[in-house]
Each structure stands twice: as structure tokens, then as C-alpha cells.
Amino acid sequence: MKLLYVGLALLIFNTAMADENRFFKSFHFTSGRFKIDSKKYKYIDSNSVTVFKGPRGQTFELEAIKSKELTFYTLTVKRYDQLALIINDFAVMSKTSKLRILKEGWVEDIDGDGFLDIVQREKTFIKGKRRPSAQYSNDKMRIKIWNSKTNSYVEKEKTDPLFVKSLKKYNFKLYTLHENKVL
């Protein structure tokens, strides 16, 4: 009977350790909250670092730094404890009346090679101080794909087929400058 209790305790301990060391497959970050795979959103505390383990030795660290009106989020990517990429403005959050900035990001395998890739989307809305009717808005997307030959991230061009495929996947509309048409 004692052996049964010890075996059950080891099974529970191993299950807890496996869940703690489990790699994530996708990560979404928006407005100070993050979601891993299909779990619920959690908030990131200001002036803190959140660490996520990915497959193939990838480690992602998301650091939140809060100033007076803005919160900046820095993403650091390491592969087997070697620095691979730092994105200082991975996400910015501001909700003032004159300036609204929302950057959201996804970390998941886009090209199917087993390495996690990075997608960033930035929405900016600025209202003029003297003339409130003067407004500027911007919406752009960046995709960084892991290149296993160079062991680094490569930013994809807007004409790349993988970039266009990602635009559709994330429900993002790319407007042409001259005719205001959606691609």
C-alpha cells in the first residue's frame, strides 16, 4: 500500500514538472496582456520580466517598462543561451487623448520549419494639439522569420508570398498608397 502512495506521488510530481517545462506553440500579446496557446489572457506587471520557453532551444523574455504615460515592452530572444534578437519596441501601450499607440505581437511557427517566428502589428493614432481635426493614423505589420542557415531572424519584404499569406491569416488589410485599394 505504501508503494502505491509513493507511485501516485511520483506520478503527480512528474505531471506537474512536465506542465512547467512544456514548450508553447503560439503566443499572442496585446494591450498589456498575453495568451499562451489557447489559455486565458494574463496581465504583465509593469517593471517585470516574463520568460517563455519555445521549442528547439528558443527562450523568449518579455520585459515591461512603465514611464509616465507609456508602457514599453521589450522582447529578447535567445537560442541555447545565445542572444538571437532584441526588439526594443515589441509593444507599446498608450491611452492618452492626443496619442493612442497599440502594438500587438504574435510568436508562432509561420513557415512550418519548427522554429517560432515573430509578427508585429502597430496601430498609431495621433490627434493634433492645436487643431483636433488634424489627425494621423498608421497601421503596419512586420514579420521576422528564423533562418536556420544564418541562425538569425530575417525580416520579410511586403512582396514575399509568406508576408501576403500572413496578412490574410491575421486579418490585416494592406492599402496601396495611390488608389486606396485593399490588396
C-alpha atoms as a PDB file:
ATOM      1  CA  MET A   1       0.000   0.000   0.000  1.00  0.00           C
ATOM      2  CA  LYS A   2       2.881   2.335   0.850  1.00  0.00           C
ATOM      3  CA  LEU A   3       4.381   1.660  -2.574  1.00  0.00           C
ATOM      4  CA  LEU A   4       1.104   2.680  -4.220  1.00  0.00           C
ATOM      5  CA  TYR A   5       1.141   6.054  -2.429  1.00  0.00           C
ATOM      6  CA  VAL A   6       4.767   6.664  -3.414  1.00  0.00           C
ATOM      7  CA  GLY A   7       3.993   5.769  -7.035  1.00  0.00           C
ATOM      8  CA  LEU A   8       0.970   8.083  -7.074  1.00  0.00           C
ATOM      9  CA  ALA A   9       3.005  10.931  -5.552  1.00  0.00           C
ATOM     10  CA  LEU A  10       5.736  10.483  -8.193  1.00  0.00           C
ATOM     11  CA  LEU A  11       3.133  10.488 -10.972  1.00  0.00           C
ATOM     12  CA  ILE A  12       1.631  13.769  -9.713  1.00  0.00           C
ATOM     13  CA  PHE A  13       5.106  15.306  -9.315  1.00  0.00           C
ATOM     14  CA  ASN A  14       6.184  14.263 -12.836  1.00  0.00           C
ATOM     15  CA  THR A  15       2.940  15.609 -14.336  1.00  0.00           C
ATOM     16  CA  ALA A  16       3.470  18.963 -12.596  1.00  0.00           C
ATOM     17  CA  MET A  17       7.089  19.134 -13.771  1.00  0.00           C
ATOM     18  CA  ALA A  18       6.101  18.253 -17.353  1.00  0.00           C
ATOM     19  CA  ASP A  19       3.484  21.019 -17.400  1.00  0.00           C
ATOM     20  CA  GLU A  20       6.001  23.523 -16.025  1.00  0.00           C
ATOM     21  CA  ASN A  21       8.670  22.623 -18.624  1.00  0.00           C
ATOM     22  CA  ARG A  22       6.203  22.376 -21.524  1.00  0.00           C
ATOM     23  CA  PHE A  23       7.044  24.400 -24.630  1.00  0.00           C
ATOM     24  CA  PHE A  24       4.484  26.779 -26.029  1.00  0.00           C
ATOM     25  CA  LYS A  25       3.407  26.699 -29.685  1.00  0.00           C
ATOM     26  CA  SER A  26       1.926  30.175 -30.018  1.00  0.00           C
ATOM     27  CA  PHE A  27       1.976  33.392 -28.039  1.00  0.00           C
ATOM     28  CA  HIS A  28      -0.191  36.489 -28.535  1.00  0.00           C
ATOM     29  CA  PHE A  29       0.431  39.826 -26.830  1.00  0.00           C
ATOM     30  CA  THR A  30      -1.869  42.866 -26.863  1.00  0.00           C
ATOM     31  CA  SER A  31      -2.681  45.780 -24.521  1.00  0.00           C
ATOM     32  CA  GLY A  32      -0.517  44.598 -21.634  1.00  0.00           C
ATOM     33  CA  ARG A  33      -1.941  41.065 -21.730  1.00  0.00           C
ATOM     34  CA  PHE A  34      -0.578  37.842 -23.144  1.00  0.00           C
ATOM     35  CA  LYS A  35      -2.018  34.463 -24.059  1.00  0.00           C
ATOM     36  CA  ILE A  36      -0.100  31.218 -24.489  1.00  0.00           C
ATOM     37  CA  ASP A  37      -1.586  28.645 -26.874  1.00  0.00           C
ATOM     38  CA  SER A  38      -5.329  28.502 -26.082  1.00  0.00           C
ATOM     39  CA  LYS A  39      -5.178  29.539 -22.414  1.00  0.00           C
ATOM     40  CA  LYS A  40      -6.787  32.698 -20.996  1.00  0.00           C
ATOM     41  CA  TYR A  41      -5.149  36.118 -21.197  1.00  0.00           C
ATOM     42  CA  LYS A  42      -2.931  37.164 -18.272  1.00  0.00           C
ATOM     43  CA  TYR A  43      -1.680  40.662 -17.449  1.00  0.00           C
ATOM     44  CA  ILE A  44       2.002  41.550 -17.345  1.00  0.00           C
ATOM     45  CA  ASP A  45       3.054  43.647 -14.364  1.00  0.00           C
ATOM     46  CA  SER A  46       4.995  46.810 -15.100  1.00  0.00           C
ATOM     47  CA  ASN A  47       8.737  46.688 -14.453  1.00  0.00           C
ATOM     48  CA  SER A  48       8.807  42.889 -14.641  1.00  0.00           C
ATOM     49  CA  VAL A  49      10.188  40.170 -16.925  1.00  0.00           C
ATOM     50  CA  THR A  50       8.126  37.212 -18.177  1.00  0.00           C
ATOM     51  CA  VAL A  51      10.005  34.225 -19.649  1.00  0.00           C
ATOM     52  CA  PHE A  52       8.579  31.691 -22.131  1.00  0.00           C
ATOM     53  CA  LYS A  53      10.291  28.539 -23.391  1.00  0.00           C
ATOM     54  CA  GLY A  54       9.891  27.600 -27.026  1.00  0.00           C
ATOM     55  CA  PRO A  55      10.970  24.521 -28.980  1.00  0.00           C
ATOM     56  CA  ARG A  56      14.500  23.970 -30.309  1.00  0.00           C
ATOM     57  CA  GLY A  57      16.200  25.896 -27.513  1.00  0.00           C
ATOM     58  CA  GLN A  58      14.341  29.165 -28.062  1.00  0.00           C
ATOM     59  CA  THR A  59      13.691  31.342 -24.993  1.00  0.00           C
ATOM     60  CA  PHE A  60      11.571  34.495 -25.149  1.00  0.00           C
ATOM     61  CA  GLU A  61      11.776  37.184 -22.449  1.00  0.00           C
ATOM     62  CA  LEU A  62       9.166  39.956 -22.394  1.00  0.00           C
ATOM     63  CA  GLU A  63      10.139  42.913 -20.204  1.00  0.00           C
ATOM     64  CA  ALA A  64       7.662  45.657 -19.265  1.00  0.00           C
ATOM     65  CA  ILE A  65       8.974  49.155 -18.505  1.00  0.00           C
ATOM     66  CA  LYS A  66       6.468  51.808 -17.471  1.00  0.00           C
ATOM     67  CA  SER A  67       7.041  55.533 -17.801  1.00  0.00           C
ATOM     68  CA  LYS A  68       4.570  58.327 -17.025  1.00  0.00           C
ATOM     69  CA  GLU A  69       2.020  57.679 -19.791  1.00  0.00           C
ATOM     70  CA  LEU A  70       3.569  54.888 -21.845  1.00  0.00           C
ATOM     71  CA  THR A  71       4.384  51.264 -21.186  1.00  0.00           C
ATOM     72  CA  PHE A  72       7.147  49.792 -23.347  1.00  0.00           C
ATOM     73  CA  TYR A  73       7.622  46.071 -23.858  1.00  0.00           C
ATOM     74  CA  THR A  74      10.982  44.666 -24.957  1.00  0.00           C
ATOM     75  CA  LEU A  75      11.235  41.174 -26.444  1.00  0.00           C
ATOM     76  CA  THR A  76      14.545  39.338 -26.127  1.00  0.00           C
ATOM     77  CA  VAL A  77      15.013  36.058 -27.991  1.00  0.00           C
ATOM     78  CA  LYS A  78      17.770  33.609 -27.083  1.00  0.00           C
ATOM     79  CA  ARG A  79      18.661  30.269 -28.596  1.00  0.00           C
ATOM     80  CA  TYR A  80      20.565  27.953 -26.261  1.00  0.00           C
ATOM     81  CA  ASP A  81      21.502  30.945 -24.054  1.00  0.00           C
ATOM     82  CA  GLN A  82      22.975  32.828 -27.017  1.00  0.00           C
ATOM     83  CA  LEU A  83      21.336  36.160 -27.861  1.00  0.00           C
ATOM     84  CA  ALA A  84      19.482  35.976 -31.191  1.00  0.00           C
ATOM     85  CA  LEU A  85      17.320  39.120 -31.296  1.00  0.00           C
ATOM     86  CA  ILE A  86      16.240  42.126 -29.229  1.00  0.00           C
ATOM     87  CA  ILE A  87      13.163  44.122 -30.206  1.00  0.00           C
ATOM     88  CA  ASN A  88      13.107  47.229 -28.016  1.00  0.00           C
ATOM     89  CA  ASP A  89       9.649  48.361 -29.068  1.00  0.00           C
ATOM     90  CA  PHE A  90       7.991  44.953 -29.458  1.00  0.00           C
ATOM     91  CA  ALA A  91       4.902  46.541 -27.983  1.00  0.00           C
ATOM     92  CA  VAL A  92       3.939  49.976 -26.705  1.00  0.00           C
ATOM     93  CA  MET A  93       0.730  50.859 -24.954  1.00  0.00           C
ATOM     94  CA  SER A  94      -0.634  54.383 -24.534  1.00  0.00           C
ATOM     95  CA  LYS A  95      -4.153  55.644 -23.961  1.00  0.00           C
ATOM     96  CA  THR A  96      -3.956  59.424 -23.790  1.00  0.00           C
ATOM     97  CA  SER A  97      -6.444  61.680 -25.547  1.00  0.00           C
ATOM     98  CA  LYS A  98      -3.871  63.012 -28.025  1.00  0.00           C
ATOM     99  CA  LEU A  99      -1.954  59.830 -28.745  1.00  0.00           C
ATOM    100  CA  ARG A 100      -3.028  56.213 -28.979  1.00  0.00           C
ATOM    101  CA  ILE A 101      -0.465  53.569 -29.782  1.00  0.00           C
ATOM    102  CA  LEU A 102      -1.193  49.883 -29.812  1.00  0.00           C
ATOM    103  CA  LYS A 103       1.386  47.357 -30.866  1.00  0.00           C
ATOM    104  CA  GLU A 104       0.476  43.724 -30.693  1.00  0.00           C
ATOM    105  CA  GLY A 105       2.597  40.729 -31.476  1.00  0.00           C
ATOM    106  CA  TRP A 106       2.400  37.039 -32.220  1.00  0.00           C
ATOM    107  CA  VAL A 107       5.128  34.456 -31.738  1.00  0.00           C
ATOM    108  CA  GLU A 108       4.401  31.230 -33.607  1.00  0.00           C
ATOM    109  CA  ASP A 109       5.704  28.996 -36.380  1.00  0.00           C
ATOM    110  CA  ILE A 110       4.607  30.651 -39.624  1.00  0.00           C
ATOM    111  CA  ASP A 111       6.703  28.854 -42.231  1.00  0.00           C
ATOM    112  CA  GLY A 112       6.463  25.341 -40.729  1.00  0.00           C
ATOM    113  CA  ASP A 113      10.171  24.782 -40.004  1.00  0.00           C
ATOM    114  CA  GLY A 114       9.697  24.146 -36.257  1.00  0.00           C
ATOM    115  CA  PHE A 115      11.208  27.466 -35.143  1.00  0.00           C
ATOM    116  CA  LEU A 116       8.984  30.195 -33.715  1.00  0.00           C
ATOM    117  CA  ASP A 117       8.715  33.354 -35.828  1.00  0.00           C
ATOM    118  CA  ILE A 118       7.657  36.887 -34.819  1.00  0.00           C
ATOM    119  CA  VAL A 119       4.810  39.017 -36.183  1.00  0.00           C
ATOM    120  CA  GLN A 120       4.331  42.636 -35.059  1.00  0.00           C
ATOM    121  CA  ARG A 121       1.413  44.946 -35.794  1.00  0.00           C
ATOM    122  CA  GLU A 122       1.463  48.651 -34.963  1.00  0.00           C
ATOM    123  CA  LYS A 123      -1.562  50.931 -34.892  1.00  0.00           C
ATOM    124  CA  THR A 124      -0.912  54.614 -34.243  1.00  0.00           C
ATOM    125  CA  PHE A 125      -3.436  57.425 -33.914  1.00  0.00           C
ATOM    126  CA  ILE A 126      -2.267  60.998 -33.250  1.00  0.00           C
ATOM    127  CA  LYS A 127      -4.581  63.974 -32.849  1.00  0.00           C
ATOM    128  CA  GLY A 128      -3.179  67.494 -33.291  1.00  0.00           C
ATOM    129  CA  LYS A 129      -2.873  69.711 -30.195  1.00  0.00           C
ATOM    130  CA  ARG A 130      -3.855  72.982 -31.804  1.00  0.00           C
ATOM    131  CA  ARG A 131      -6.270  71.589 -34.371  1.00  0.00           C
ATOM    132  CA  PRO A 132      -8.116  68.486 -33.180  1.00  0.00           C
ATOM    133  CA  SER A 133      -9.298  67.900 -36.737  1.00  0.00           C
ATOM    134  CA  ALA A 134      -5.687  67.258 -37.804  1.00  0.00           C
ATOM    135  CA  GLN A 135      -5.269  63.515 -37.345  1.00  0.00           C
ATOM    136  CA  TYR A 136      -2.688  60.953 -38.349  1.00  0.00           C
ATOM    137  CA  SER A 137      -3.257  57.225 -38.307  1.00  0.00           C
ATOM    138  CA  ASN A 138      -0.933  54.409 -39.234  1.00  0.00           C
ATOM    139  CA  ASP A 139      -1.298  50.637 -39.406  1.00  0.00           C
ATOM    140  CA  LYS A 140       1.694  48.485 -40.355  1.00  0.00           C
ATOM    141  CA  MET A 141       2.939  44.945 -39.982  1.00  0.00           C
ATOM    142  CA  ARG A 142       6.403  43.357 -39.636  1.00  0.00           C
ATOM    143  CA  ILE A 143       7.317  39.699 -39.912  1.00  0.00           C
ATOM    144  CA  LYS A 144      10.610  38.215 -38.751  1.00  0.00           C
ATOM    145  CA  ILE A 145      11.301  34.601 -39.789  1.00  0.00           C
ATOM    146  CA  TRP A 146      14.007  32.401 -38.231  1.00  0.00           C
ATOM    147  CA  ASN A 147      16.638  31.476 -40.822  1.00  0.00           C
ATOM    148  CA  SER A 148      18.361  28.260 -39.733  1.00  0.00           C
ATOM    149  CA  LYS A 149      21.232  28.741 -42.210  1.00  0.00           C
ATOM    150  CA  THR A 150      22.362  32.027 -40.649  1.00  0.00           C
ATOM    151  CA  ASN A 151      20.954  31.330 -37.142  1.00  0.00           C
ATOM    152  CA  SER A 152      19.242  34.707 -37.075  1.00  0.00           C
ATOM    153  CA  TYR A 153      15.910  36.375 -37.755  1.00  0.00           C
ATOM    154  CA  VAL A 154      15.271  37.844 -41.209  1.00  0.00           C
ATOM    155  CA  GLU A 155      12.585  40.451 -41.842  1.00  0.00           C
ATOM    156  CA  LYS A 156      10.321  39.584 -44.778  1.00  0.00           C
ATOM    157  CA  GLU A 157       9.563  42.077 -47.544  1.00  0.00           C
ATOM    158  CA  LYS A 158       5.981  43.117 -48.318  1.00  0.00           C
ATOM    159  CA  THR A 159       6.150  41.362 -51.695  1.00  0.00           C
ATOM    160  CA  ASP A 160       7.151  37.993 -50.200  1.00  0.00           C
ATOM    161  CA  PRO A 161       4.423  35.304 -50.565  1.00  0.00           C
ATOM    162  CA  LEU A 162       4.808  34.373 -46.878  1.00  0.00           C
ATOM    163  CA  PHE A 163       4.152  38.021 -45.919  1.00  0.00           C
ATOM    164  CA  VAL A 164       0.966  38.136 -48.031  1.00  0.00           C
ATOM    165  CA  LYS A 165      -0.181  34.807 -46.549  1.00  0.00           C
ATOM    166  CA  SER A 166       0.354  36.195 -43.037  1.00  0.00           C
ATOM    167  CA  LEU A 167      -1.668  39.306 -43.873  1.00  0.00           C
ATOM    168  CA  LYS A 168      -4.648  37.083 -44.606  1.00  0.00           C
ATOM    169  CA  LYS A 169      -4.071  34.878 -41.560  1.00  0.00           C
ATOM    170  CA  TYR A 170      -4.060  37.801 -39.119  1.00  0.00           C
ATOM    171  CA  ASN A 171      -6.957  39.593 -40.893  1.00  0.00           C
ATOM    172  CA  PHE A 172      -4.755  42.530 -41.839  1.00  0.00           C
ATOM    173  CA  LYS A 173      -5.570  44.798 -44.784  1.00  0.00           C
ATOM    174  CA  LEU A 174      -2.717  46.367 -46.722  1.00  0.00           C
ATOM    175  CA  TYR A 175      -3.710  49.537 -48.595  1.00  0.00           C
ATOM    176  CA  THR A 176      -1.913  50.824 -51.659  1.00  0.00           C
ATOM    177  CA  LEU A 177      -0.803  54.444 -51.358  1.00  0.00           C
ATOM    178  CA  HIS A 178      -2.176  55.822 -54.618  1.00  0.00           C
ATOM    179  CA  GLU A 179      -5.567  54.255 -55.178  1.00  0.00           C
ATOM    180  CA  ASN A 180      -6.584  53.361 -51.582  1.00  0.00           C
ATOM    181  CA  LYS A 181      -7.365  49.805 -52.659  1.00  0.00           C
ATOM    182  CA  VAL A 182      -7.082  46.770 -50.432  1.00  0.00           C
ATOM    183  CA  LEU A 183      -4.638  44.115 -51.619  1.00  0.00           C
END
